[in-house]
Amino acid sequence: MDISTEGKNYLKQVIENLEVKTLRFYGIPGCCNVNLGVGLDEAQLNDEVITIDGITVAIDPIISSQLEGVTIHAEEENGEMGLLLVGYTPTSC
């Protein structure tokens, strides 16, 4: 997993005044597979916690293989900034 300059700058801006400073990726059981969830949340006991270019990231082991080769990026759409996972391909139906 990697992070673009835009992703890093956006996340630093978002978490600047928050208590929780960890971007957490977690699994959500679905009908066909495990879906990917993401949010600003404390790491859970079994999460792998890594720091990517100054950003703390927690990854639920259930979905870690889905994030291999993914880059956290941020871009503007319709006047709103948001995260984009470049290289991520959903595995659920």
PDB file of N, CA and C in Angstrom:
ATOM      1  N   MET A   1       0.846  -1.166   0.000  1.00  0.00           N
ATOM      2  CA  MET A   1       0.000   0.000   0.000  1.00  0.00           C
ATOM      3  C   MET A   1       0.893   1.230   0.000  1.00  0.00           C
ATOM      4  N   ASP A   2       0.438   2.230  -0.741  1.00  0.00           N
ATOM      5  CA  ASP A   2       1.190   3.470  -0.872  1.00  0.00           C
ATOM      6  C   ASP A   2       0.210   4.632  -0.714  1.00  0.00           C
ATOM      7  N   ILE A   3       0.735   5.842  -0.674  1.00  0.00           N
ATOM      8  CA  ILE A   3      -0.112   7.036  -0.592  1.00  0.00           C
ATOM      9  C   ILE A   3       0.468   8.102  -1.506  1.00  0.00           C
ATOM     10  N   SER A   4      -0.416   8.757  -2.255  1.00  0.00           N
ATOM     11  CA  SER A   4       0.023   9.834  -3.134  1.00  0.00           C
ATOM     12  C   SER A   4       0.183  11.112  -2.312  1.00  0.00           C
ATOM     13  N   THR A   5       0.841  12.090  -2.890  1.00  0.00           N
ATOM     14  CA  THR A   5       0.993  13.387  -2.222  1.00  0.00           C
ATOM     15  C   THR A   5      -0.371  13.997  -1.936  1.00  0.00           C
ATOM     16  N   GLU A   6      -1.291  13.889  -2.886  1.00  0.00           N
ATOM     17  CA  GLU A   6      -2.638  14.428  -2.703  1.00  0.00           C
ATOM     18  C   GLU A   6      -3.370  13.709  -1.574  1.00  0.00           C
ATOM     19  N   GLY A   7      -3.228  12.392  -1.528  1.00  0.00           N
ATOM     20  CA  GLY A   7      -3.858  11.614  -0.462  1.00  0.00           C
ATOM     21  C   GLY A   7      -3.305  11.972   0.897  1.00  0.00           C
ATOM     22  N   LYS A   8      -2.010  12.098   0.984  1.00  0.00           N
ATOM     23  CA  LYS A   8      -1.353  12.460   2.243  1.00  0.00           C
ATOM     24  C   LYS A   8      -1.800  13.840   2.706  1.00  0.00           C
ATOM     25  N   ASN A   9      -1.771  14.819   1.813  1.00  0.00           N
ATOM     26  CA  ASN A   9      -2.149  16.188   2.176  1.00  0.00           C
ATOM     27  C   ASN A   9      -3.612  16.270   2.616  1.00  0.00           C
ATOM     28  N   TYR A  10      -4.493  15.566   1.905  1.00  0.00           N
ATOM     29  CA  TYR A  10      -5.910  15.564   2.252  1.00  0.00           C
ATOM     30  C   TYR A  10      -6.143  14.934   3.625  1.00  0.00           C
ATOM     31  N   LEU A  11      -5.539  13.765   3.863  1.00  0.00           N
ATOM     32  CA  LEU A  11      -5.726  13.091   5.146  1.00  0.00           C
ATOM     33  C   LEU A  11      -5.155  13.911   6.305  1.00  0.00           C
ATOM     34  N   LYS A  12      -3.999  14.521   6.106  1.00  0.00           N
ATOM     35  CA  LYS A  12      -3.424  15.353   7.167  1.00  0.00           C
ATOM     36  C   LYS A  12      -4.366  16.495   7.516  1.00  0.00           C
ATOM     37  N   GLN A  13      -4.997  17.076   6.506  1.00  0.00           N
ATOM     38  CA  GLN A  13      -5.946  18.162   6.714  1.00  0.00           C
ATOM     39  C   GLN A  13      -7.179  17.660   7.475  1.00  0.00           C
ATOM     40  N   VAL A  14      -7.685  16.502   7.095  1.00  0.00           N
ATOM     41  CA  VAL A  14      -8.888  15.938   7.718  1.00  0.00           C
ATOM     42  C   VAL A  14      -8.643  15.586   9.184  1.00  0.00           C
ATOM     43  N   ILE A  15      -7.513  14.947   9.489  1.00  0.00           N
ATOM     44  CA  ILE A  15      -7.279  14.455  10.849  1.00  0.00           C
ATOM     45  C   ILE A  15      -6.639  15.489  11.770  1.00  0.00           C
ATOM     46  N   GLU A  16      -6.285  16.637  11.214  1.00  0.00           N
ATOM     47  CA  GLU A  16      -5.571  17.647  11.983  1.00  0.00           C
ATOM     48  C   GLU A  16      -6.217  17.962  13.334  1.00  0.00           C
ATOM     49  N   ASN A  17      -7.524  18.144  13.369  1.00  0.00           N
ATOM     50  CA  ASN A  17      -8.204  18.531  14.602  1.00  0.00           C
ATOM     51  C   ASN A  17      -9.068  17.419  15.200  1.00  0.00           C
ATOM     52  N   LEU A  18      -8.824  16.200  14.785  1.00  0.00           N
ATOM     53  CA  LEU A  18      -9.586  15.063  15.314  1.00  0.00           C
ATOM     54  C   LEU A  18      -8.778  14.314  16.364  1.00  0.00           C
ATOM     55  N   GLU A  19      -9.478  13.649  17.265  1.00  0.00           N
ATOM     56  CA  GLU A  19      -8.798  12.818  18.264  1.00  0.00           C
ATOM     57  C   GLU A  19      -8.250  11.549  17.621  1.00  0.00           C
ATOM     58  N   VAL A  20      -9.046  10.922  16.765  1.00  0.00           N
ATOM     59  CA  VAL A  20      -8.629   9.693  16.086  1.00  0.00           C
ATOM     60  C   VAL A  20      -7.810  10.084  14.865  1.00  0.00           C
ATOM     61  N   LYS A  21      -6.622   9.539  14.777  1.00  0.00           N
ATOM     62  CA  LYS A  21      -5.721   9.901  13.683  1.00  0.00           C
ATOM     63  C   LYS A  21      -5.308   8.687  12.855  1.00  0.00           C
ATOM     64  N   THR A  22      -6.116   7.640  12.904  1.00  0.00           N
ATOM     65  CA  THR A  22      -5.809   6.402  12.196  1.00  0.00           C
ATOM     66  C   THR A  22      -6.836   6.151  11.103  1.00  0.00           C
ATOM     67  N   LEU A  23      -6.351   5.906   9.897  1.00  0.00           N
ATOM     68  CA  LEU A  23      -7.209   5.499   8.790  1.00  0.00           C
ATOM     69  C   LEU A  23      -7.300   3.980   8.861  1.00  0.00           C
ATOM     70  N   ARG A  24      -8.512   3.467   9.045  1.00  0.00           N
ATOM     71  CA  ARG A  24      -8.677   2.021   9.236  1.00  0.00           C
ATOM     72  C   ARG A  24      -9.444   1.395   8.083  1.00  0.00           C
ATOM     73  N   PHE A  25      -8.880   0.322   7.538  1.00  0.00           N
ATOM     74  CA  PHE A  25      -9.527  -0.489   6.508  1.00  0.00           C
ATOM     75  C   PHE A  25      -9.998  -1.772   7.180  1.00  0.00           C
ATOM     76  N   TYR A  26     -11.266  -2.137   6.980  1.00  0.00           N
ATOM     77  CA  TYR A  26     -11.825  -3.301   7.660  1.00  0.00           C
ATOM     78  C   TYR A  26     -12.772  -4.056   6.736  1.00  0.00           C
ATOM     79  N   GLY A  27     -13.054  -5.281   7.105  1.00  0.00           N
ATOM     80  CA  GLY A  27     -13.935  -6.126   6.312  1.00  0.00           C
ATOM     81  C   GLY A  27     -15.364  -6.060   6.794  1.00  0.00           C
ATOM     82  N   ILE A  28     -16.297  -6.047   5.837  1.00  0.00           N
ATOM     83  CA  ILE A  28     -17.728  -6.083   6.123  1.00  0.00           C
ATOM     84  C   ILE A  28     -18.277  -7.322   5.421  1.00  0.00           C
ATOM     85  N   PRO A  29     -18.761  -8.309   6.194  1.00  0.00           N
ATOM     86  CA  PRO A  29     -19.291  -9.515   5.554  1.00  0.00           C
ATOM     87  C   PRO A  29     -20.452  -9.178   4.620  1.00  0.00           C
ATOM     88  N   GLY A  30     -20.415  -9.746   3.415  1.00  0.00           N
ATOM     89  CA  GLY A  30     -21.474  -9.537   2.434  1.00  0.00           C
ATOM     90  C   GLY A  30     -22.018 -10.862   1.959  1.00  0.00           C
ATOM     91  N   CYS A  31     -22.936 -10.801   1.014  1.00  0.00           N
ATOM     92  CA  CYS A  31     -23.573 -12.031   0.535  1.00  0.00           C
ATOM     93  C   CYS A  31     -22.619 -12.907  -0.269  1.00  0.00           C
ATOM     94  N   CYS A  32     -21.657 -12.293  -0.962  1.00  0.00           N
ATOM     95  CA  CYS A  32     -20.766 -13.070  -1.827  1.00  0.00           C
ATOM     96  C   CYS A  32     -19.332 -13.138  -1.316  1.00  0.00           C
ATOM     97  N   ASN A  33     -18.936 -12.172  -0.525  1.00  0.00           N
ATOM     98  CA  ASN A  33     -17.558 -12.077  -0.095  1.00  0.00           C
ATOM     99  C   ASN A  33     -17.480 -11.042   1.015  1.00  0.00           C
ATOM    100  N   VAL A  34     -16.279 -10.623   1.336  1.00  0.00           N
ATOM    101  CA  VAL A  34     -16.079  -9.577   2.336  1.00  0.00           C
ATOM    102  C   VAL A  34     -15.878  -8.262   1.605  1.00  0.00           C
ATOM    103  N   ASN A  35     -16.712  -7.270   1.942  1.00  0.00           N
ATOM    104  CA  ASN A  35     -16.603  -5.945   1.346  1.00  0.00           C
ATOM    105  C   ASN A  35     -15.621  -5.103   2.138  1.00  0.00           C
ATOM    106  N   LEU A  36     -15.069  -4.106   1.491  1.00  0.00           N
ATOM    107  CA  LEU A  36     -14.098  -3.219   2.114  1.00  0.00           C
ATOM    108  C   LEU A  36     -14.796  -2.026   2.745  1.00  0.00           C
ATOM    109  N   GLY A  37     -14.454  -1.768   3.999  1.00  0.00           N
ATOM    110  CA  GLY A  37     -14.914  -0.574   4.689  1.00  0.00           C
ATOM    111  C   GLY A  37     -13.705   0.260   5.063  1.00  0.00           C
ATOM    112  N   VAL A  38     -13.881   1.569   5.145  1.00  0.00           N
ATOM    113  CA  VAL A  38     -12.785   2.461   5.515  1.00  0.00           C
ATOM    114  C   VAL A  38     -13.336   3.606   6.345  1.00  0.00           C
ATOM    115  N   GLY A  39     -12.562   4.010   7.341  1.00  0.00           N
ATOM    116  CA  GLY A  39     -12.972   5.134   8.168  1.00  0.00           C
ATOM    117  C   GLY A  39     -11.850   5.560   9.086  1.00  0.00           C
ATOM    118  N   LEU A  40     -12.070   6.655   9.765  1.00  0.00           N
ATOM    119  CA  LEU A  40     -11.129   7.105  10.783  1.00  0.00           C
ATOM    120  C   LEU A  40     -11.567   6.456  12.085  1.00  0.00           C
ATOM    121  N   ASP A  41     -10.755   5.530  12.574  1.00  0.00           N
ATOM    122  CA  ASP A  41     -11.125   4.730  13.741  1.00  0.00           C
ATOM    123  C   ASP A  41      -9.859   4.188  14.385  1.00  0.00           C
ATOM    124  N   GLU A  42      -9.959   3.846  15.640  1.00  0.00           N
ATOM    125  CA  GLU A  42      -8.834   3.234  16.350  1.00  0.00           C
ATOM    126  C   GLU A  42      -8.571   1.842  15.779  1.00  0.00           C
ATOM    127  N   ALA A  43      -7.319   1.448  15.785  1.00  0.00           N
ATOM    128  CA  ALA A  43      -6.954   0.104  15.347  1.00  0.00           C
ATOM    129  C   ALA A  43      -7.564  -0.925  16.289  1.00  0.00           C
ATOM    130  N   GLN A  44      -7.981  -2.054  15.730  1.00  0.00           N
ATOM    131  CA  GLN A  44      -8.501  -3.163  16.520  1.00  0.00           C
ATOM    132  C   GLN A  44      -7.355  -4.116  16.859  1.00  0.00           C
ATOM    133  N   LEU A  45      -7.595  -4.999  17.795  1.00  0.00           N
ATOM    134  CA  LEU A  45      -6.566  -5.885  18.328  1.00  0.00           C
ATOM    135  C   LEU A  45      -5.779  -6.640  17.259  1.00  0.00           C
ATOM    136  N   ASN A  46      -6.447  -7.194  16.253  1.00  0.00           N
ATOM    137  CA  ASN A  46      -5.763  -8.014  15.249  1.00  0.00           C
ATOM    138  C   ASN A  46      -5.284  -7.237  14.029  1.00  0.00           C
ATOM    139  N   ASP A  47      -5.558  -5.942  13.971  1.00  0.00           N
ATOM    140  CA  ASP A  47      -5.160  -5.142  12.813  1.00  0.00           C
ATOM    141  C   ASP A  47      -3.651  -5.043  12.683  1.00  0.00           C
ATOM    142  N   GLU A  48      -3.202  -4.971  11.440  1.00  0.00           N
ATOM    143  CA  GLU A  48      -1.812  -4.639  11.160  1.00  0.00           C
ATOM    144  C   GLU A  48      -1.748  -3.114  11.110  1.00  0.00           C
ATOM    145  N   VAL A  49      -0.888  -2.516  11.900  1.00  0.00           N
ATOM    146  CA  VAL A  49      -0.763  -1.064  11.937  1.00  0.00           C
ATOM    147  C   VAL A  49       0.554  -0.669  11.280  1.00  0.00           C
ATOM    148  N   ILE A  50       0.449   0.174  10.257  1.00  0.00           N
ATOM    149  CA  ILE A  50       1.622   0.630   9.533  1.00  0.00           C
ATOM    150  C   ILE A  50       1.573   2.152   9.419  1.00  0.00           C
ATOM    151  N   THR A  51       2.711   2.746   9.167  1.00  0.00           N
ATOM    152  CA  THR A  51       2.772   4.178   8.901  1.00  0.00           C
ATOM    153  C   THR A  51       3.243   4.355   7.469  1.00  0.00           C
ATOM    154  N   ILE A  52       2.438   5.073   6.695  1.00  0.00           N
ATOM    155  CA  ILE A  52       2.755   5.332   5.292  1.00  0.00           C
ATOM    156  C   ILE A  52       2.941   6.833   5.134  1.00  0.00           C
ATOM    157  N   ASP A  53       4.175   7.244   4.950  1.00  0.00           N
ATOM    158  CA  ASP A  53       4.499   8.659   4.736  1.00  0.00           C
ATOM    159  C   ASP A  53       3.866   9.557   5.805  1.00  0.00           C
ATOM    160  N   GLY A  54       3.948   9.119   7.055  1.00  0.00           N
ATOM    161  CA  GLY A  54       3.455   9.915   8.177  1.00  0.00           C
ATOM    162  C   GLY A  54       1.997   9.695   8.528  1.00  0.00           C
ATOM    163  N   ILE A  55       1.283   8.862   7.774  1.00  0.00           N
ATOM    164  CA  ILE A  55      -0.135   8.580   8.041  1.00  0.00           C
ATOM    165  C   ILE A  55      -0.239   7.185   8.654  1.00  0.00           C
ATOM    166  N   THR A  56      -0.908   7.085   9.811  1.00  0.00           N
ATOM    167  CA  THR A  56      -1.102   5.800  10.471  1.00  0.00           C
ATOM    168  C   THR A  56      -2.287   5.084   9.826  1.00  0.00           C
ATOM    169  N   VAL A  57      -2.048   3.844   9.415  1.00  0.00           N
ATOM    170  CA  VAL A  57      -3.066   3.046   8.740  1.00  0.00           C
ATOM    171  C   VAL A  57      -3.197   1.710   9.464  1.00  0.00           C
ATOM    172  N   ALA A  58      -4.433   1.330   9.781  1.00  0.00           N
ATOM    173  CA  ALA A  58      -4.725   0.030  10.394  1.00  0.00           C
ATOM    174  C   ALA A  58      -5.472  -0.809   9.360  1.00  0.00           C
ATOM    175  N   ILE A  59      -5.050  -2.061   9.217  1.00  0.00           N
ATOM    176  CA  ILE A  59      -5.651  -2.937   8.209  1.00  0.00           C
ATOM    177  C   ILE A  59      -6.113  -4.232   8.862  1.00  0.00           C
ATOM    178  N   ASP A  60      -7.405  -4.498   8.750  1.00  0.00           N
ATOM    179  CA  ASP A  60      -7.999  -5.749   9.218  1.00  0.00           C
ATOM    180  C   ASP A  60      -7.416  -6.873   8.361  1.00  0.00           C
ATOM    181  N   PRO A  61      -6.858  -7.921   8.978  1.00  0.00           N
ATOM    182  CA  PRO A  61      -6.239  -8.996   8.206  1.00  0.00           C
ATOM    183  C   PRO A  61      -7.190  -9.666   7.208  1.00  0.00           C
ATOM    184  N   ILE A  62      -8.472  -9.592   7.437  1.00  0.00           N
ATOM    185  CA  ILE A  62      -9.454 -10.215   6.540  1.00  0.00           C
ATOM    186  C   ILE A  62      -9.403  -9.599   5.143  1.00  0.00           C
ATOM    187  N   ILE A  63      -9.033  -8.309   5.048  1.00  0.00           N
ATOM    188  CA  ILE A  63      -9.049  -7.640   3.752  1.00  0.00           C
ATOM    189  C   ILE A  63      -7.660  -7.198   3.287  1.00  0.00           C
ATOM    190  N   SER A  64      -6.625  -7.579   4.003  1.00  0.00           N
ATOM    191  CA  SER A  64      -5.284  -7.101   3.655  1.00  0.00           C
ATOM    192  C   SER A  64      -4.866  -7.485   2.234  1.00  0.00           C
ATOM    193  N   SER A  65      -5.238  -8.665   1.775  1.00  0.00           N
ATOM    194  CA  SER A  65      -4.853  -9.073   0.413  1.00  0.00           C
ATOM    195  C   SER A  65      -5.527  -8.205  -0.649  1.00  0.00           C
ATOM    196  N   GLN A  66      -6.698  -7.638  -0.347  1.00  0.00           N
ATOM    197  CA  GLN A  66      -7.396  -6.769  -1.288  1.00  0.00           C
ATOM    198  C   GLN A  66      -6.677  -5.424  -1.471  1.00  0.00           C
ATOM    199  N   LEU A  67      -5.800  -5.082  -0.536  1.00  0.00           N
ATOM    200  CA  LEU A  67      -5.146  -3.783  -0.578  1.00  0.00           C
ATOM    201  C   LEU A  67      -3.716  -3.823  -1.106  1.00  0.00           C
ATOM    202  N   GLU A  68      -3.257  -4.991  -1.536  1.00  0.00           N
ATOM    203  CA  GLU A  68      -1.909  -5.099  -2.095  1.00  0.00           C
ATOM    204  C   GLU A  68      -1.829  -4.306  -3.399  1.00  0.00           C
ATOM    205  N   GLY A  69      -0.831  -3.453  -3.504  1.00  0.00           N
ATOM    206  CA  GLY A  69      -0.634  -2.649  -4.700  1.00  0.00           C
ATOM    207  C   GLY A  69      -1.561  -1.460  -4.830  1.00  0.00           C
ATOM    208  N   VAL A  70      -2.312  -1.146  -3.774  1.00  0.00           N
ATOM    209  CA  VAL A  70      -3.264  -0.033  -3.793  1.00  0.00           C
ATOM    210  C   VAL A  70      -2.582   1.250  -3.330  1.00  0.00           C
ATOM    211  N   THR A  71      -2.942   2.362  -3.957  1.00  0.00           N
ATOM    212  CA  THR A  71      -2.453   3.682  -3.561  1.00  0.00           C
ATOM    213  C   THR A  71      -3.620   4.515  -3.052  1.00  0.00           C
ATOM    214  N   ILE A  72      -3.475   5.072  -1.861  1.00  0.00           N
ATOM    215  CA  ILE A  72      -4.470   5.991  -1.311  1.00  0.00           C
ATOM    216  C   ILE A  72      -4.257   7.332  -2.003  1.00  0.00           C
ATOM    217  N   HIS A  73      -5.292   7.833  -2.642  1.00  0.00           N
ATOM    218  CA  HIS A  73      -5.203   9.072  -3.402  1.00  0.00           C
ATOM    219  C   HIS A  73      -6.409   9.936  -3.029  1.00  0.00           C
ATOM    220  N   ALA A  74      -6.313  11.222  -3.268  1.00  0.00           N
ATOM    221  CA  ALA A  74      -7.441  12.126  -3.057  1.00  0.00           C
ATOM    222  C   ALA A  74      -7.601  12.989  -4.293  1.00  0.00           C
ATOM    223  N   GLU A  75      -8.858  13.204  -4.656  1.00  0.00           N
ATOM    224  CA  GLU A  75      -9.117  14.098  -5.774  1.00  0.00           C
ATOM    225  C   GLU A  75     -10.469  14.765  -5.586  1.00  0.00           C
ATOM    226  N   GLU A  76     -10.649  15.827  -6.316  1.00  0.00           N
ATOM    227  CA  GLU A  76     -11.871  16.613  -6.221  1.00  0.00           C
ATOM    228  C   GLU A  76     -12.870  16.157  -7.276  1.00  0.00           C
ATOM    229  N   GLU A  77     -14.115  16.041  -6.845  1.00  0.00           N
ATOM    230  CA  GLU A  77     -15.200  15.716  -7.766  1.00  0.00           C
ATOM    231  C   GLU A  77     -16.420  16.531  -7.363  1.00  0.00           C
ATOM    232  N   ASN A  78     -16.952  17.272  -8.285  1.00  0.00           N
ATOM    233  CA  ASN A  78     -18.108  18.140  -8.025  1.00  0.00           C
ATOM    234  C   ASN A  78     -17.865  19.089  -6.850  1.00  0.00           C
ATOM    235  N   GLY A  79     -16.651  19.604  -6.762  1.00  0.00           N
ATOM    236  CA  GLY A  79     -16.318  20.568  -5.717  1.00  0.00           C
ATOM    237  C   GLY A  79     -16.028  19.969  -4.355  1.00  0.00           C
ATOM    238  N   GLU A  80     -16.044  18.646  -4.243  1.00  0.00           N
ATOM    239  CA  GLU A  80     -15.797  17.957  -2.970  1.00  0.00           C
ATOM    240  C   GLU A  80     -14.550  17.102  -3.081  1.00  0.00           C
ATOM    241  N   MET A  81     -13.699  17.152  -2.058  1.00  0.00           N
ATOM    242  CA  MET A  81     -12.521  16.279  -2.010  1.00  0.00           C
ATOM    243  C   MET A  81     -12.918  14.941  -1.407  1.00  0.00           C
ATOM    244  N   GLY A  82     -12.293  13.894  -1.874  1.00  0.00           N
ATOM    245  CA  GLY A  82     -12.566  12.577  -1.334  1.00  0.00           C
ATOM    246  C   GLY A  82     -11.429  11.622  -1.622  1.00  0.00           C
ATOM    247  N   LEU A  83     -11.412  10.523  -0.893  1.00  0.00           N
ATOM    248  CA  LEU A  83     -10.378   9.508  -1.091  1.00  0.00           C
ATOM    249  C   LEU A  83     -10.740   8.594  -2.248  1.00  0.00           C
ATOM    250  N   LEU A  84      -9.707   8.125  -2.900  1.00  0.00           N
ATOM    251  CA  LEU A  84      -9.831   7.190  -4.003  1.00  0.00           C
ATOM    252  C   LEU A  84      -8.751   6.135  -3.803  1.00  0.00           C
ATOM    253  N   LEU A  85      -9.107   4.875  -3.957  1.00  0.00           N
ATOM    254  CA  LEU A  85      -8.136   3.794  -3.823  1.00  0.00           C
ATOM    255  C   LEU A  85      -7.737   3.330  -5.220  1.00  0.00           C
ATOM    256  N   VAL A  86      -6.625   3.846  -5.698  1.00  0.00           N
ATOM    257  CA  VAL A  86      -6.134   3.530  -7.031  1.00  0.00           C
ATOM    258  C   VAL A  86      -5.570   2.108  -7.025  1.00  0.00           C
ATOM    259  N   GLY A  87      -6.054   1.285  -7.930  1.00  0.00           N
ATOM    260  CA  GLY A  87      -5.599  -0.101  -8.008  1.00  0.00           C
ATOM    261  C   GLY A  87      -6.470  -1.065  -7.239  1.00  0.00           C
ATOM    262  N   TYR A  88      -7.509  -0.566  -6.573  1.00  0.00           N
ATOM    263  CA  TYR A  88      -8.401  -1.436  -5.808  1.00  0.00           C
ATOM    264  C   TYR A  88      -9.500  -1.988  -6.728  1.00  0.00           C
ATOM    265  N   THR A  89      -9.704  -3.286  -6.665  1.00  0.00           N
ATOM    266  CA  THR A  89     -10.771  -3.928  -7.409  1.00  0.00           C
ATOM    267  C   THR A  89     -11.668  -4.666  -6.412  1.00  0.00           C
ATOM    268  N   PRO A  90     -12.932  -4.235  -6.299  1.00  0.00           N
ATOM    269  CA  PRO A  90     -13.847  -4.912  -5.368  1.00  0.00           C
ATOM    270  C   PRO A  90     -13.953  -6.405  -5.693  1.00  0.00           C
ATOM    271  N   THR A  91     -14.067  -7.219  -4.652  1.00  0.00           N
ATOM    272  CA  THR A  91     -14.165  -8.670  -4.864  1.00  0.00           C
ATOM    273  C   THR A  91     -15.558  -9.199  -4.617  1.00  0.00           C
ATOM    274  N   SER A  92     -16.480  -8.343  -4.180  1.00  0.00           N
ATOM    275  CA  SER A  92     -17.836  -8.831  -3.908  1.00  0.00           C
ATOM    276  C   SER A  92     -18.703  -8.734  -5.148  1.00  0.00           C
ATOM    277  N   CYS A  93     -19.865  -9.365  -5.082  1.00  0.00           N
ATOM    278  CA  CYS A  93     -20.793  -9.332  -6.221  1.00  0.00           C
ATOM    279  C   CYS A  93     -21.509  -8.031  -6.200  1.00  0.00           C
TER     280      CYS A  93
END
